[in-house]
Amino acid sequence: MSEKSSDYCKVPTNEILNSLERTVPSHYGCGVRHIQFVIFLLCMTVAFIARSHLGVTIVAMTNISQKNVTNETLINVTEQIDTNSIFSEAEFIGISETDELNNNTEAENSTSKHEVYDWDMSIQEMVLGAFFTGYCIGMVPSGILSQRCGGKISFQFSLLINGITSIVTPWLVEWGGWKAVCGCRFLQGISQSGTYPSIQSLLSKWVPANELGAFTSYIYTGTTLGTVIGFQLGGFLAESRWGWPTTFWVVGILCILCSIIMTIFGAASPNDHKSISEEEKMFIFGDRSDKLIKRNKKVPWKSIITSKPIWATYVSNISSGCTFIFFLTQVPSYIHYILGNDVMKSGLLSSLPYIASLFTSVGFGILSDYLTNNNILSTKTARRISNSFSQVGISLSLFMSTVVTSTELVVTCLVIAMGCQMGVHTGWMVNQIDLAPNYTGAVMTIGNSMATFFIQLMPFMISNIVIDVRNLIQWRICFGIVAAWTLVGNAVFVIMMSAEKQPWNDYADISTDEEKNEHENNVIVKK
């Protein structure tokens, strides 16, 4: 009897069923995820400070004789900066800072303790463009690295490399001149090329589905904040008694501090965090099965490339990126040559678009989550409306810019365009997380690379259409082509997009059919 009893045991059926049928919390207040969001926002802001400050700092580094350049040359430098970066949202406002810096430092330069360099404009353009050359070259490798190692590791090493490089730049420039600065900025560009894939990967792991729009928008405000702070910080420190080297040292220290903060307090996902509660973890994951994926190593490149909804985000990525950079770089030139005014001379006017974007970015996120969480709109409809509002708004602003004859009205169009552009955060950008939360870093890498390639072609298109910069008809043709391209890109997104998670997101890294079936059964049981 004892032998028979040993062959059998009581199965706790009720306990197993109860554990499998645990309900997901409908609400969870402040928790570990909010601390992570603050860390991500801080790191994103500092990364863009490091990216953008040289637009102002280089003015203090160069000889006064080279600073007295025309507005036309300044605009050309601005175009070089912006057309090499897909999301360098506010970098062109540094030109207004350079005018003030020129005037303020001219009288003090003779007594400055810090060496200035006789770099002509072509050298300055190479120095400014070195970062984005590295950014373009390193985009694909960095994106793959962030996908394989997780967003945290790639982000923290990016900040660390930027910090060390920034600190040593003032000493290296004494040894190697402008070539040394180019080398440092090139290295910084390579290290920062994985910033967007890294942050997308982190967002896909940490943000609950019902908070996705809001927190994505919050964190991406760091791009604008960082750029604006970078210019202000560069101008302030360059004018101080410590001189331009202090800018590199302060920015370097900030980068290293953020890298340390990310290393100690950051986590790639809730599963990697030591102190998060199970309840908050369940709230973050919801009923998503991607929490079960452990072997997230092999990227399903074929599935990504052949996915129609993914291509919908890519087309919108390319069109919105090109249009946005076109608006930032060409509208100021249009105002200068056609209307006869230089909007960049006014710090207030040049800052208004970015002030507006901070509010609209947050507004888009909050509104999107409110509409979807209260079942007023489906997720698919919300993504379509956000993206369409953004792209149609920019297209109309482009058209109106060539119709009105007042500088104030054109600046108003610029403000509206910048405000509308923030809708892409809750449009195609967050849609990539909807489609493939496990592989959003790889998805972003491909789209970013293609958009950057097309942005590189923009100057050639513009130069072949606007042959005479004072010809209004040529400007209208150019603006019309870009506006039409924007509408086409949005139409493709609206028609082809989907808000459903793609099937390859869950088992693309599982090799056999038996493993796929086992995984699908586990997902069903878990739900």
Protein backbone atom coordinates (compact mmCIF):
# COMPACT_ATOMS: atom_id res chain seq x y z
CA MET A 1 0.00 0.00 0.00
CA SER A 2 2.83 2.33 0.80
CA GLU A 3 4.44 1.59 -2.57
CA LYS A 4 1.23 2.46 -4.43
CA SER A 5 0.72 5.64 -2.50
CA SER A 6 4.21 6.76 -3.39
CA ASP A 7 3.27 6.59 -7.06
CA TYR A 8 0.61 9.22 -6.70
CA CYS A 9 0.46 12.71 -5.24
CA LYS A 10 -2.24 15.29 -4.81
CA VAL A 11 -2.22 18.02 -7.44
CA PRO A 12 -3.14 21.51 -6.06
CA THR A 13 -5.40 22.31 -9.00
CA ASN A 14 -7.10 25.35 -7.48
CA GLU A 15 -3.80 26.99 -6.48
CA ILE A 16 -2.38 26.53 -9.99
CA LEU A 17 -5.47 27.93 -11.67
CA ASN A 18 -5.56 30.91 -9.32
CA SER A 19 -1.91 31.67 -9.99
CA LEU A 20 -2.47 31.49 -13.74
CA GLU A 21 -5.55 33.67 -13.61
CA ARG A 22 -4.08 36.56 -11.63
CA THR A 23 -5.72 39.74 -12.70
CA VAL A 24 -3.61 42.57 -14.03
CA PRO A 25 -3.88 45.75 -11.90
CA SER A 26 -5.95 48.38 -13.67
CA HIS A 27 -4.04 51.20 -12.00
CA TYR A 28 -0.74 51.62 -10.21
CA GLY A 29 0.44 54.94 -8.81
CA CYS A 30 3.95 56.31 -8.63
CA GLY A 31 6.54 53.59 -8.65
CA VAL A 32 9.89 52.42 -9.94
CA ARG A 33 8.93 53.10 -13.55
CA HIS A 34 8.61 56.84 -12.82
CA ILE A 35 12.16 56.89 -11.44
CA GLN A 36 13.31 55.20 -14.63
CA PHE A 37 11.49 57.78 -16.75
CA VAL A 38 13.24 60.63 -14.92
CA ILE A 39 16.59 58.92 -15.53
CA PHE A 40 15.80 58.44 -19.22
CA LEU A 41 14.71 62.07 -19.60
CA LEU A 42 17.84 63.32 -17.82
CA CYS A 43 20.14 61.18 -19.96
CA MET A 44 18.34 62.18 -23.17
CA THR A 45 18.66 65.87 -22.27
CA VAL A 46 22.36 65.64 -21.44
CA ALA A 47 23.05 63.64 -24.62
CA PHE A 48 21.59 66.46 -26.69
CA ILE A 49 23.50 69.08 -24.69
CA ALA A 50 26.69 67.26 -25.70
CA ARG A 51 25.47 67.05 -29.28
CA SER A 52 24.50 70.69 -29.76
CA HIS A 53 26.69 73.00 -27.66
CA LEU A 54 29.53 73.21 -30.20
CA GLY A 55 27.30 75.32 -32.47
CA VAL A 56 27.95 78.17 -30.03
CA THR A 57 31.21 77.09 -28.45
CA ILE A 58 33.07 77.11 -31.76
CA VAL A 59 32.47 80.85 -32.05
CA ALA A 60 34.49 81.46 -28.88
CA MET A 61 37.20 79.09 -30.12
CA THR A 62 37.81 80.91 -33.40
CA ASN A 63 39.54 84.16 -34.32
CA ILE A 64 37.45 87.36 -34.41
CA SER A 65 38.39 87.95 -38.04
CA GLN A 66 36.65 84.74 -38.91
CA LYS A 67 33.58 85.55 -36.87
CA ASN A 68 32.57 88.57 -38.86
CA VAL A 69 30.75 86.56 -41.48
CA THR A 70 27.61 87.33 -43.38
CA ASN A 71 24.18 86.09 -42.48
CA GLU A 72 24.24 84.03 -45.68
CA THR A 73 27.30 82.14 -44.46
CA LEU A 74 25.73 81.55 -41.07
CA ILE A 75 22.63 80.14 -42.71
CA ASN A 76 24.79 77.81 -44.82
CA VAL A 77 26.54 76.56 -41.67
CA THR A 78 23.15 75.97 -40.09
CA GLU A 79 22.06 73.92 -43.10
CA GLN A 80 25.20 71.81 -42.78
CA ILE A 81 24.39 71.12 -39.14
CA ASP A 82 20.76 70.22 -39.60
CA THR A 83 20.88 68.23 -42.81
CA ASN A 84 23.25 65.80 -41.14
CA SER A 85 20.93 64.96 -38.27
CA ILE A 86 17.49 63.47 -38.48
CA PHE A 87 16.20 64.89 -35.21
CA SER A 88 18.51 67.84 -34.37
CA GLU A 89 15.37 69.74 -33.56
CA ALA A 90 16.66 73.05 -32.26
CA GLU A 91 20.24 73.29 -33.37
CA PHE A 92 19.72 76.10 -35.82
CA ILE A 93 18.79 78.56 -33.05
CA GLY A 94 22.44 78.57 -32.01
CA ILE A 95 23.13 80.97 -34.87
CA SER A 96 21.27 83.69 -33.00
CA GLU A 97 23.44 82.94 -29.99
CA THR A 98 26.58 83.29 -32.12
CA ASP A 99 25.68 86.86 -33.09
CA GLU A 100 25.43 87.88 -29.44
CA LEU A 101 28.58 85.99 -28.57
CA ASN A 102 30.51 87.69 -31.34
CA ASN A 103 29.56 91.13 -30.05
CA ASN A 104 30.21 90.32 -26.40
CA THR A 105 33.55 88.57 -26.86
CA GLU A 106 35.09 90.96 -29.38
CA ALA A 107 36.13 93.47 -26.73
CA GLU A 108 37.34 90.81 -24.31
CA ASN A 109 39.24 88.60 -26.75
CA SER A 110 42.49 90.55 -26.52
CA THR A 111 42.73 89.82 -22.78
CA SER A 112 41.46 86.24 -22.95
CA LYS A 113 43.68 83.62 -21.31
CA HIS A 114 42.43 80.90 -23.64
CA GLU A 115 43.83 80.42 -27.10
CA VAL A 116 41.65 81.08 -30.10
CA TYR A 117 42.25 79.52 -33.49
CA ASP A 118 42.38 80.91 -37.00
CA TRP A 119 39.86 78.55 -38.56
CA ASP A 120 38.08 79.68 -41.71
CA MET A 121 34.45 78.81 -42.38
CA SER A 122 35.24 75.64 -44.32
CA ILE A 123 37.15 74.26 -41.34
CA GLN A 124 34.35 75.24 -38.98
CA GLU A 125 31.87 73.42 -41.21
CA MET A 126 34.00 70.28 -41.08
CA VAL A 127 34.24 70.51 -37.29
CA LEU A 128 30.49 70.98 -36.95
CA GLY A 129 29.72 68.20 -39.40
CA ALA A 130 32.14 65.64 -37.93
CA PHE A 131 29.65 64.60 -35.26
CA PHE A 132 26.95 63.79 -37.79
CA THR A 133 29.36 61.95 -40.06
CA GLY A 134 30.10 59.61 -37.18
CA TYR A 135 26.41 59.54 -36.32
CA CYS A 136 25.48 58.30 -39.80
CA ILE A 137 28.29 55.74 -40.01
CA GLY A 138 27.64 54.26 -36.59
CA MET A 139 23.85 54.15 -36.77
CA VAL A 140 23.38 50.56 -37.94
CA PRO A 141 26.09 48.95 -35.76
CA SER A 142 24.93 50.91 -32.71
CA GLY A 143 21.32 50.01 -33.35
CA ILE A 144 22.18 46.31 -33.55
CA LEU A 145 24.23 46.61 -30.36
CA SER A 146 21.39 48.27 -28.48
CA GLN A 147 19.03 45.51 -29.62
CA ARG A 148 21.35 42.71 -28.53
CA CYS A 149 22.67 44.19 -25.28
CA GLY A 150 19.63 46.20 -24.24
CA GLY A 151 19.02 49.93 -24.27
CA LYS A 152 20.68 50.52 -20.92
CA ILE A 153 24.17 49.26 -21.76
CA SER A 154 24.43 51.07 -25.08
CA PHE A 155 23.07 54.31 -23.59
CA GLN A 156 25.36 54.33 -20.56
CA PHE A 157 28.47 53.65 -22.64
CA SER A 158 27.40 56.32 -25.11
CA LEU A 159 27.27 58.89 -22.32
CA LEU A 160 30.56 57.67 -20.85
CA ILE A 161 32.39 57.95 -24.18
CA ASN A 162 30.88 61.39 -24.80
CA GLY A 163 31.92 62.53 -21.34
CA ILE A 164 35.53 61.39 -21.56
CA THR A 165 35.92 62.71 -25.09
CA SER A 166 34.45 66.07 -24.17
CA ILE A 167 36.76 66.51 -21.17
CA VAL A 168 39.95 65.82 -23.13
CA THR A 169 38.98 67.93 -26.17
CA PRO A 170 40.44 71.28 -24.90
CA TRP A 171 43.84 69.62 -24.38
CA LEU A 172 43.77 67.65 -27.62
CA VAL A 173 42.98 70.77 -29.65
CA GLU A 174 46.24 72.33 -28.43
CA TRP A 175 48.07 69.30 -29.78
CA GLY A 176 46.18 68.47 -32.98
CA GLY A 177 44.22 71.62 -33.83
CA TRP A 178 40.93 71.38 -35.68
CA LYS A 179 41.67 67.81 -36.79
CA ALA A 180 41.72 66.71 -33.16
CA VAL A 181 38.35 68.37 -32.56
CA CYS A 182 36.96 66.62 -35.66
CA GLY A 183 38.22 63.31 -34.33
CA CYS A 184 36.62 63.87 -30.94
CA ARG A 185 33.30 64.90 -32.43
CA PHE A 186 33.40 61.97 -34.86
CA LEU A 187 33.82 59.59 -31.93
CA GLN A 188 30.99 61.29 -30.06
CA GLY A 189 28.78 60.96 -33.11
CA ILE A 190 29.43 57.24 -33.40
CA SER A 191 28.71 56.69 -29.72
CA GLN A 192 25.46 58.69 -29.88
CA SER A 193 24.21 56.99 -33.05
CA GLY A 194 22.38 54.41 -30.95
CA THR A 195 20.55 56.96 -28.82
CA TYR A 196 17.15 56.62 -30.48
CA PRO A 197 17.21 52.81 -30.77
CA SER A 198 18.31 52.63 -27.13
CA ILE A 199 15.58 54.88 -25.81
CA GLN A 200 12.95 53.15 -27.96
CA SER A 201 14.06 49.80 -26.54
CA LEU A 202 13.86 51.11 -22.98
CA LEU A 203 10.43 52.63 -23.55
CA SER A 204 9.07 49.41 -25.01
CA LYS A 205 10.08 47.55 -21.85
CA TRP A 206 9.14 50.07 -19.19
CA VAL A 207 6.02 51.90 -20.35
CA PRO A 208 2.60 50.30 -19.74
CA ALA A 209 0.31 50.22 -22.75
CA ASN A 210 -2.12 52.73 -21.23
CA GLU A 211 0.69 55.25 -20.55
CA LEU A 212 2.65 54.78 -23.76
CA GLY A 213 1.70 58.04 -25.49
CA ALA A 214 2.26 60.31 -22.51
CA PHE A 215 5.58 58.99 -21.29
CA THR A 216 7.02 58.66 -24.78
CA SER A 217 6.24 62.34 -25.35
CA TYR A 218 7.66 63.34 -21.97
CA ILE A 219 11.00 61.66 -22.58
CA TYR A 220 11.37 62.95 -26.14
CA THR A 221 11.07 66.53 -24.88
CA GLY A 222 14.64 65.96 -23.74
CA THR A 223 15.79 66.42 -27.35
CA THR A 224 14.49 69.98 -27.45
CA LEU A 225 15.43 70.80 -23.85
CA GLY A 226 18.95 69.50 -24.34
CA THR A 227 19.53 71.47 -27.52
CA VAL A 228 18.25 74.75 -26.09
CA ILE A 229 20.19 74.27 -22.83
CA GLY A 230 23.28 73.34 -24.83
CA PHE A 231 23.27 76.63 -26.70
CA GLN A 232 22.54 78.69 -23.59
CA LEU A 233 25.19 76.87 -21.56
CA GLY A 234 27.75 77.19 -24.33
CA GLY A 235 27.17 80.92 -24.64
CA PHE A 236 27.21 81.54 -20.89
CA LEU A 237 30.40 79.61 -20.16
CA ALA A 238 32.19 80.96 -23.24
CA GLU A 239 31.57 84.51 -22.04
CA SER A 240 32.69 83.72 -18.49
CA ARG A 241 36.23 84.25 -17.22
CA TRP A 242 36.85 80.51 -17.44
CA GLY A 243 36.39 80.60 -21.20
CA TRP A 244 35.31 78.07 -23.81
CA PRO A 245 37.21 75.04 -22.37
CA THR A 246 34.85 75.10 -19.42
CA THR A 247 31.95 74.20 -21.71
CA PHE A 248 33.64 70.95 -22.72
CA TRP A 249 34.53 70.13 -19.12
CA VAL A 250 31.07 70.84 -17.72
CA VAL A 251 29.35 68.89 -20.49
CA GLY A 252 31.80 66.02 -20.02
CA ILE A 253 31.16 65.88 -16.28
CA LEU A 254 27.38 65.90 -16.87
CA CYS A 255 27.70 63.00 -19.34
CA ILE A 256 29.79 60.92 -16.94
CA LEU A 257 27.41 61.63 -14.04
CA CYS A 258 24.43 60.53 -16.16
CA SER A 259 26.32 57.41 -17.20
CA ILE A 260 26.92 56.59 -13.53
CA ILE A 261 23.27 57.25 -12.68
CA MET A 262 22.12 55.01 -15.51
CA THR A 263 24.55 52.28 -14.43
CA ILE A 264 23.54 52.29 -10.76
CA PHE A 265 19.84 53.13 -10.86
CA GLY A 266 18.77 52.31 -14.42
CA ALA A 267 17.51 48.96 -15.65
CA ALA A 268 16.96 47.59 -19.14
CA SER A 269 13.55 46.17 -18.18
CA PRO A 270 11.39 45.56 -15.10
CA ASN A 271 12.69 42.00 -14.98
CA ASP A 272 16.21 43.37 -14.45
CA HIS A 273 15.26 45.73 -11.63
CA LYS A 274 15.98 44.45 -8.13
CA SER A 275 13.42 46.33 -6.06
CA ILE A 276 10.34 46.63 -8.28
CA SER A 277 7.22 45.02 -6.87
CA GLU A 278 5.47 42.16 -8.61
CA GLU A 279 2.29 44.21 -8.72
CA GLU A 280 3.93 47.07 -10.61
CA LYS A 281 5.67 44.59 -12.89
CA MET A 282 2.30 43.02 -13.72
CA PHE A 283 0.86 46.48 -14.35
CA ILE A 284 3.68 47.35 -16.75
CA PHE A 285 3.49 44.11 -18.69
CA GLY A 286 -0.30 43.83 -18.62
CA ASP A 287 -1.34 40.83 -20.68
CA ARG A 288 1.56 41.18 -23.10
CA SER A 289 3.31 37.93 -23.82
CA ASP A 290 6.63 39.60 -24.59
CA LYS A 291 7.51 39.32 -20.90
CA LEU A 292 7.92 35.59 -21.50
CA ILE A 293 10.61 36.06 -24.14
CA LYS A 294 14.02 35.40 -22.62
CA ARG A 295 16.16 34.55 -25.65
CA ASN A 296 15.73 37.89 -27.35
CA LYS A 297 18.99 37.67 -29.32
CA LYS A 298 18.32 36.89 -32.97
CA VAL A 299 16.75 39.84 -34.76
CA PRO A 300 14.10 38.82 -37.33
CA TRP A 301 15.44 41.08 -40.05
CA LYS A 302 13.49 39.36 -42.82
CA SER A 303 10.21 39.68 -40.93
CA ILE A 304 10.89 43.34 -40.18
CA ILE A 305 11.78 44.22 -43.77
CA THR A 306 8.78 42.40 -45.24
CA SER A 307 6.22 43.79 -42.77
CA LYS A 308 3.73 46.23 -44.33
CA PRO A 309 2.90 48.02 -41.04
CA ILE A 310 6.61 48.49 -40.34
CA TRP A 311 7.11 49.98 -43.78
CA ALA A 312 4.24 52.34 -43.07
CA THR A 313 6.24 53.76 -40.16
CA TYR A 314 9.38 53.94 -42.31
CA VAL A 315 7.72 55.96 -45.06
CA SER A 316 6.33 58.40 -42.50
CA ASN A 317 9.69 58.50 -40.74
CA ILE A 318 11.44 59.51 -43.96
CA SER A 319 8.85 62.06 -45.07
CA SER A 320 8.40 63.69 -41.66
CA GLY A 321 12.16 63.82 -41.01
CA CYS A 322 12.96 65.39 -44.39
CA THR A 323 10.11 67.90 -44.12
CA PHE A 324 10.99 68.88 -40.60
CA ILE A 325 14.65 69.50 -41.40
CA PHE A 326 13.63 71.37 -44.57
CA PHE A 327 11.35 73.64 -42.57
CA LEU A 328 14.01 74.42 -39.97
CA THR A 329 16.79 75.10 -42.45
CA GLN A 330 14.99 76.70 -45.41
CA VAL A 331 12.25 78.85 -43.88
CA PRO A 332 14.82 81.14 -42.16
CA SER A 333 16.62 81.44 -45.52
CA TYR A 334 13.29 82.20 -47.22
CA ILE A 335 12.57 84.94 -44.67
CA HIS A 336 16.04 86.38 -45.18
CA TYR A 337 16.08 86.45 -48.99
CA ILE A 338 12.42 86.95 -49.93
CA LEU A 339 11.10 89.03 -47.02
CA GLY A 340 14.37 90.83 -46.34
CA ASN A 341 14.50 90.07 -42.61
CA ASP A 342 16.78 87.95 -40.46
CA VAL A 343 14.65 86.11 -37.94
CA MET A 344 17.77 84.62 -36.37
CA LYS A 345 18.74 88.02 -34.96
CA SER A 346 15.82 87.81 -32.57
CA GLY A 347 16.46 85.34 -29.79
CA LEU A 348 12.80 85.46 -28.81
CA LEU A 349 11.48 84.76 -32.30
CA SER A 350 13.96 81.95 -32.87
CA SER A 351 13.07 80.36 -29.53
CA LEU A 352 9.27 80.52 -29.89
CA PRO A 353 8.97 77.33 -32.01
CA TYR A 354 10.79 75.30 -29.37
CA ILE A 355 8.82 76.74 -26.49
CA ALA A 356 5.65 75.78 -28.34
CA SER A 357 6.95 72.27 -29.05
CA LEU A 358 7.50 71.55 -25.37
CA PHE A 359 3.83 72.14 -24.61
CA THR A 360 2.41 70.41 -27.67
CA SER A 361 4.62 67.36 -27.17
CA VAL A 362 3.26 66.79 -23.69
CA GLY A 363 -0.26 67.67 -24.85
CA PHE A 364 -0.23 65.11 -27.66
CA GLY A 365 0.86 62.38 -25.27
CA ILE A 366 -1.73 63.12 -22.60
CA LEU A 367 -4.56 63.48 -25.10
CA SER A 368 -3.64 60.29 -26.95
CA ASP A 369 -3.65 58.21 -23.77
CA TYR A 370 -6.88 59.79 -22.55
CA LEU A 371 -8.72 59.00 -25.77
CA THR A 372 -7.50 55.40 -25.95
CA ASN A 373 -7.81 54.57 -22.24
CA ASN A 374 -11.40 55.82 -22.14
CA ASN A 375 -12.29 53.89 -25.30
CA ILE A 376 -13.14 57.09 -27.16
CA LEU A 377 -10.73 56.09 -29.92
CA SER A 378 -9.02 52.84 -30.76
CA THR A 379 -5.23 52.75 -30.60
CA LYS A 380 -5.08 52.50 -34.39
CA THR A 381 -7.28 55.55 -34.88
CA ALA A 382 -5.36 57.55 -32.28
CA ARG A 383 -2.06 56.83 -34.01
CA ARG A 384 -3.52 57.83 -37.37
CA ILE A 385 -4.96 61.09 -36.05
CA SER A 386 -1.74 62.09 -34.24
CA ASN A 387 0.41 61.43 -37.28
CA SER A 388 -2.02 63.10 -39.67
CA PHE A 389 -2.40 66.18 -37.48
CA SER A 390 1.38 66.49 -37.43
CA GLN A 391 2.03 66.02 -41.14
CA VAL A 392 -0.97 67.89 -42.49
CA GLY A 393 -0.20 70.75 -40.10
CA ILE A 394 3.37 71.02 -41.37
CA SER A 395 2.24 70.81 -45.00
CA LEU A 396 -0.26 73.63 -44.53
CA SER A 397 2.38 75.70 -42.72
CA LEU A 398 4.75 75.21 -45.65
CA PHE A 399 2.10 76.34 -48.10
CA MET A 400 1.12 79.37 -46.01
CA SER A 401 4.76 80.40 -45.61
CA THR A 402 4.98 81.12 -49.33
CA VAL A 403 1.67 83.03 -49.42
CA VAL A 404 1.96 85.49 -46.55
CA THR A 405 4.25 88.49 -46.85
CA SER A 406 4.77 89.32 -43.18
CA THR A 407 7.74 88.04 -41.21
CA GLU A 408 5.56 87.70 -38.12
CA LEU A 409 3.09 85.49 -39.99
CA VAL A 410 5.88 83.31 -41.39
CA VAL A 411 7.30 82.91 -37.88
CA THR A 412 3.77 81.97 -36.78
CA CYS A 413 3.79 79.26 -39.44
CA LEU A 414 7.14 78.09 -38.10
CA VAL A 415 5.71 77.91 -34.57
CA ILE A 416 2.67 75.96 -35.80
CA ALA A 417 4.88 73.58 -37.77
CA MET A 418 7.12 72.86 -34.78
CA GLY A 419 4.09 72.37 -32.54
CA CYS A 420 2.44 70.01 -35.02
CA GLN A 421 5.64 68.04 -35.56
CA MET A 422 5.49 66.72 -31.99
CA GLY A 423 2.49 64.64 -33.03
CA VAL A 424 4.84 62.07 -34.56
CA HIS A 425 5.82 61.03 -31.03
CA THR A 426 2.35 59.54 -30.63
CA GLY A 427 2.14 58.69 -34.33
CA TRP A 428 4.64 56.53 -36.21
CA MET A 429 7.27 56.60 -33.43
CA VAL A 430 5.11 55.03 -30.74
CA ASN A 431 3.50 52.80 -33.38
CA GLN A 432 6.82 51.01 -33.77
CA ILE A 433 6.53 50.02 -30.11
CA ASP A 434 2.94 48.86 -30.71
CA LEU A 435 4.09 46.59 -33.53
CA ALA A 436 7.28 45.06 -32.12
CA PRO A 437 8.07 45.88 -28.49
CA ASN A 438 10.74 43.16 -28.38
CA TYR A 439 12.57 44.51 -31.44
CA THR A 440 11.80 48.22 -31.44
CA GLY A 441 15.53 49.09 -31.31
CA ALA A 442 16.20 47.20 -34.54
CA VAL A 443 13.08 48.62 -36.16
CA MET A 444 14.12 52.18 -35.31
CA THR A 445 17.65 51.56 -36.60
CA ILE A 446 16.48 50.71 -40.11
CA GLY A 447 14.05 53.63 -40.30
CA ASN A 448 16.56 56.13 -38.91
CA SER A 449 19.20 55.00 -41.40
CA MET A 450 16.89 55.42 -44.39
CA ALA A 451 15.65 58.81 -43.20
CA THR A 452 19.21 60.04 -42.71
CA PHE A 453 20.12 58.92 -46.23
CA PHE A 454 17.25 60.89 -47.75
CA ILE A 455 18.06 63.94 -45.63
CA GLN A 456 21.56 63.88 -47.13
CA LEU A 457 19.98 64.23 -50.60
CA MET A 458 17.89 67.28 -49.68
CA PRO A 459 20.57 69.93 -50.36
CA PHE A 460 21.00 68.60 -53.91
CA MET A 461 17.26 68.81 -54.58
CA ILE A 462 17.00 72.31 -53.13
CA SER A 463 20.03 73.63 -55.02
CA ASN A 464 18.64 72.37 -58.33
CA ILE A 465 15.23 73.97 -57.79
CA VAL A 466 16.09 77.22 -56.00
CA ILE A 467 18.78 78.47 -58.35
CA ASP A 468 18.04 82.12 -57.57
CA VAL A 469 17.45 82.53 -53.83
CA ARG A 470 15.46 85.72 -54.46
CA ASN A 471 13.05 84.06 -56.90
CA LEU A 472 9.68 83.56 -55.17
CA ILE A 473 8.37 81.13 -57.81
CA GLN A 474 11.30 78.76 -57.33
CA TRP A 475 10.77 78.81 -53.57
CA ARG A 476 7.08 78.02 -53.99
CA ILE A 477 7.86 75.06 -56.25
CA CYS A 478 10.33 73.71 -53.71
CA PHE A 479 7.91 74.20 -50.81
CA GLY A 480 5.11 72.60 -52.82
CA ILE A 481 7.15 69.49 -53.61
CA VAL A 482 8.10 69.00 -49.97
CA ALA A 483 4.52 69.57 -48.78
CA ALA A 484 3.19 67.04 -51.32
CA TRP A 485 5.81 64.50 -50.25
CA THR A 486 4.76 64.95 -46.64
CA LEU A 487 1.10 64.32 -47.45
CA VAL A 488 1.98 61.24 -49.50
CA GLY A 489 4.08 59.83 -46.66
CA ASN A 490 1.26 60.35 -44.19
CA ALA A 491 -1.28 58.80 -46.58
CA VAL A 492 0.87 55.67 -46.87
CA PHE A 493 1.05 55.48 -43.08
CA VAL A 494 -2.70 55.89 -42.64
CA ILE A 495 -3.51 53.22 -45.25
CA MET A 496 -0.88 50.60 -44.37
CA MET A 497 -0.44 51.01 -40.62
CA SER A 498 -1.61 48.65 -37.91
CA ALA A 499 -1.69 48.84 -34.13
CA GLU A 500 -1.61 45.06 -33.66
CA LYS A 501 1.54 43.47 -32.35
CA GLN A 502 3.21 41.51 -35.13
CA PRO A 503 3.30 37.71 -34.69
CA TRP A 504 7.07 37.49 -35.20
CA ASN A 505 7.58 39.76 -32.20
CA ASP A 506 6.88 36.83 -29.81
CA TYR A 507 8.67 33.89 -31.40
CA ALA A 508 10.96 35.18 -34.10
CA ASP A 509 13.93 34.00 -32.06
CA ILE A 510 12.51 30.49 -31.54
CA SER A 511 14.03 28.05 -33.98
CA THR A 512 11.66 25.08 -34.28
CA ASP A 513 7.95 24.70 -34.92
CA GLU A 514 7.59 22.73 -31.68
CA GLU A 515 9.05 25.62 -29.69
CA LYS A 516 6.72 28.07 -31.46
CA ASN A 517 3.67 25.94 -30.66
CA GLU A 518 4.81 25.54 -27.07
CA HIS A 519 5.27 29.29 -26.74
CA GLU A 520 1.84 30.06 -28.22
CA ASN A 521 0.22 27.55 -25.81
CA ASN A 522 2.03 29.18 -22.89
CA VAL A 523 0.73 32.59 -23.96
CA ILE A 524 -2.85 31.27 -24.10
CA VAL A 525 -2.55 29.61 -20.68
CA LYS A 526 -0.98 32.75 -19.20
CA LYS A 527 -3.84 34.89 -20.41
